[in-house]
Protein backbone atom coordinates (compact mmCIF):
# COMPACT_ATOMS: atom_id res chain seq x y z
CA UNK A 1 27.36 8.06 -51.90
CA UNK A 2 25.80 5.67 -49.41
CA UNK A 3 23.89 7.26 -46.53
CA UNK A 4 23.07 5.63 -43.21
CA UNK A 5 20.74 6.83 -40.48
CA UNK A 6 21.14 5.63 -36.93
CA UNK A 7 19.48 6.33 -33.59
CA UNK A 8 20.40 6.15 -29.93
CA UNK A 9 19.01 7.40 -26.63
CA UNK A 10 20.81 9.43 -24.02
CA UNK A 11 20.14 8.99 -20.33
CA UNK A 12 17.19 11.22 -19.51
CA UNK A 13 19.12 13.67 -17.35
CA UNK A 14 19.40 17.32 -18.48
CA UNK A 15 22.84 17.79 -16.88
CA UNK A 16 24.23 14.69 -18.60
CA UNK A 17 22.68 15.70 -21.92
CA UNK A 18 24.28 19.16 -21.67
CA UNK A 19 27.65 17.56 -20.88
CA UNK A 20 27.27 15.18 -23.84
CA UNK A 21 26.61 18.13 -26.14
CA UNK A 22 29.69 19.95 -24.81
CA UNK A 23 31.83 16.92 -25.68
CA UNK A 24 30.47 17.07 -29.24
CA UNK A 25 31.30 20.77 -29.54
CA UNK A 26 34.95 19.77 -29.14
CA UNK A 27 35.31 16.25 -30.50
CA UNK A 28 38.84 14.96 -30.00
CA UNK A 29 41.00 15.27 -33.14
CA UNK A 30 41.80 11.54 -33.11
CA UNK A 31 38.08 10.73 -33.13
CA UNK A 32 37.47 13.00 -36.12
CA UNK A 33 40.42 11.35 -37.89
CA UNK A 34 39.11 7.82 -37.18
CA UNK A 35 35.70 8.75 -38.60
CA UNK A 36 37.24 10.11 -41.81
CA UNK A 37 39.70 7.20 -42.13
CA UNK A 38 36.78 4.76 -42.01
CA UNK A 39 35.32 6.27 -45.19
CA UNK A 40 32.72 8.49 -43.54
CA UNK A 41 32.64 11.71 -45.54
CA UNK A 42 29.95 13.58 -43.59
CA UNK A 43 28.25 13.05 -40.25
CA UNK A 44 25.53 14.98 -38.46
CA UNK A 45 23.86 14.26 -35.13
CA UNK A 46 20.51 15.75 -34.12
CA UNK A 47 18.78 15.60 -30.75
CA UNK A 48 15.18 15.78 -29.55
CA UNK A 49 14.85 15.38 -25.79
CA UNK A 50 17.06 12.37 -25.10
CA UNK A 51 16.73 10.80 -28.59
CA UNK A 52 19.65 11.17 -31.01
CA UNK A 53 19.55 10.79 -34.79
CA UNK A 54 22.75 10.44 -36.83
CA UNK A 55 23.12 10.81 -40.58
CA UNK A 56 26.32 9.43 -42.09
CA UNK A 57 27.40 9.80 -45.69
CA UNK A 58 30.18 7.49 -46.77
CA UNK A 59 32.40 6.63 -49.68
CA UNK A 60 32.33 3.16 -51.20
CA UNK A 61 35.16 1.90 -48.95
CA UNK A 62 32.98 2.17 -45.82
CA UNK A 63 31.57 -0.85 -44.01
CA UNK A 64 30.33 -1.19 -40.45
CA UNK A 65 32.46 -4.31 -40.03
CA UNK A 66 35.64 -2.51 -41.15
CA UNK A 67 34.83 0.50 -38.93
CA UNK A 68 34.28 -1.80 -35.95
CA UNK A 69 37.64 -3.50 -36.49
CA UNK A 70 39.41 -0.16 -36.87
CA UNK A 71 37.77 1.14 -33.69
CA UNK A 72 38.62 -1.99 -31.71
CA UNK A 73 42.31 -1.41 -32.43
CA UNK A 74 42.27 2.31 -31.63
CA UNK A 75 42.85 3.13 -27.94
CA UNK A 76 41.61 6.71 -28.32
CA UNK A 77 38.34 5.58 -29.90
CA UNK A 78 37.90 3.03 -27.11
CA UNK A 79 38.47 5.77 -24.50
CA UNK A 80 35.93 8.05 -26.27
CA UNK A 81 33.35 5.27 -26.52
CA UNK A 82 33.76 4.41 -22.84
CA UNK A 83 33.29 8.08 -21.95
CA UNK A 84 30.22 8.41 -24.21
CA UNK A 85 28.61 5.32 -22.68
CA UNK A 86 28.28 7.36 -19.44
CA UNK A 87 25.66 9.44 -21.26
CA UNK A 88 24.09 6.88 -23.59
CA UNK A 89 21.61 4.10 -22.99
CA UNK A 90 20.59 1.27 -25.30
CA UNK A 91 17.31 1.40 -27.18
CA UNK A 92 14.62 -0.99 -26.00
CA UNK A 93 15.17 -3.54 -28.79
CA UNK A 94 18.92 -3.05 -29.27
CA UNK A 95 21.19 -6.07 -29.12
CA UNK A 96 23.33 -6.46 -26.02
CA UNK A 97 26.17 -3.92 -26.11
CA UNK A 98 24.72 -2.20 -29.20
CA UNK A 99 24.75 1.57 -29.11
CA UNK A 100 23.79 3.26 -32.33
CA UNK A 101 21.08 1.29 -34.14
CA UNK A 102 20.76 1.39 -37.92
CA UNK A 103 17.36 2.68 -38.98
CA UNK A 104 15.30 1.26 -41.83
CA UNK A 105 14.33 3.73 -44.52
CA UNK A 106 10.57 3.61 -45.04
CA UNK A 107 10.05 6.61 -47.36
CA UNK A 108 12.01 8.66 -49.86
CA UNK A 109 10.89 11.57 -52.04
């Protein structure tokens, strides 16, 4: 199963970070469904200070392009992403509008 690791920063505000975590304790059912429908079989998000780290495991049907197209046509996903952008900030070298940035694997044991 393919695995992808991504990173993103939250705004450095403890109240906003706490609110962001509360949203992720009760992710909307339609968001969970869109993740699974895209071929993502497992997803975990970890936080240190305002830095987030996501691990995604996928089936062979998954592609970032396909997920992006599915999300663009899903009003609930667009509403969720707009809400989440209130808490998130782009990484220093992220492309314009880019949120989660794919990380390069540099070691494996």
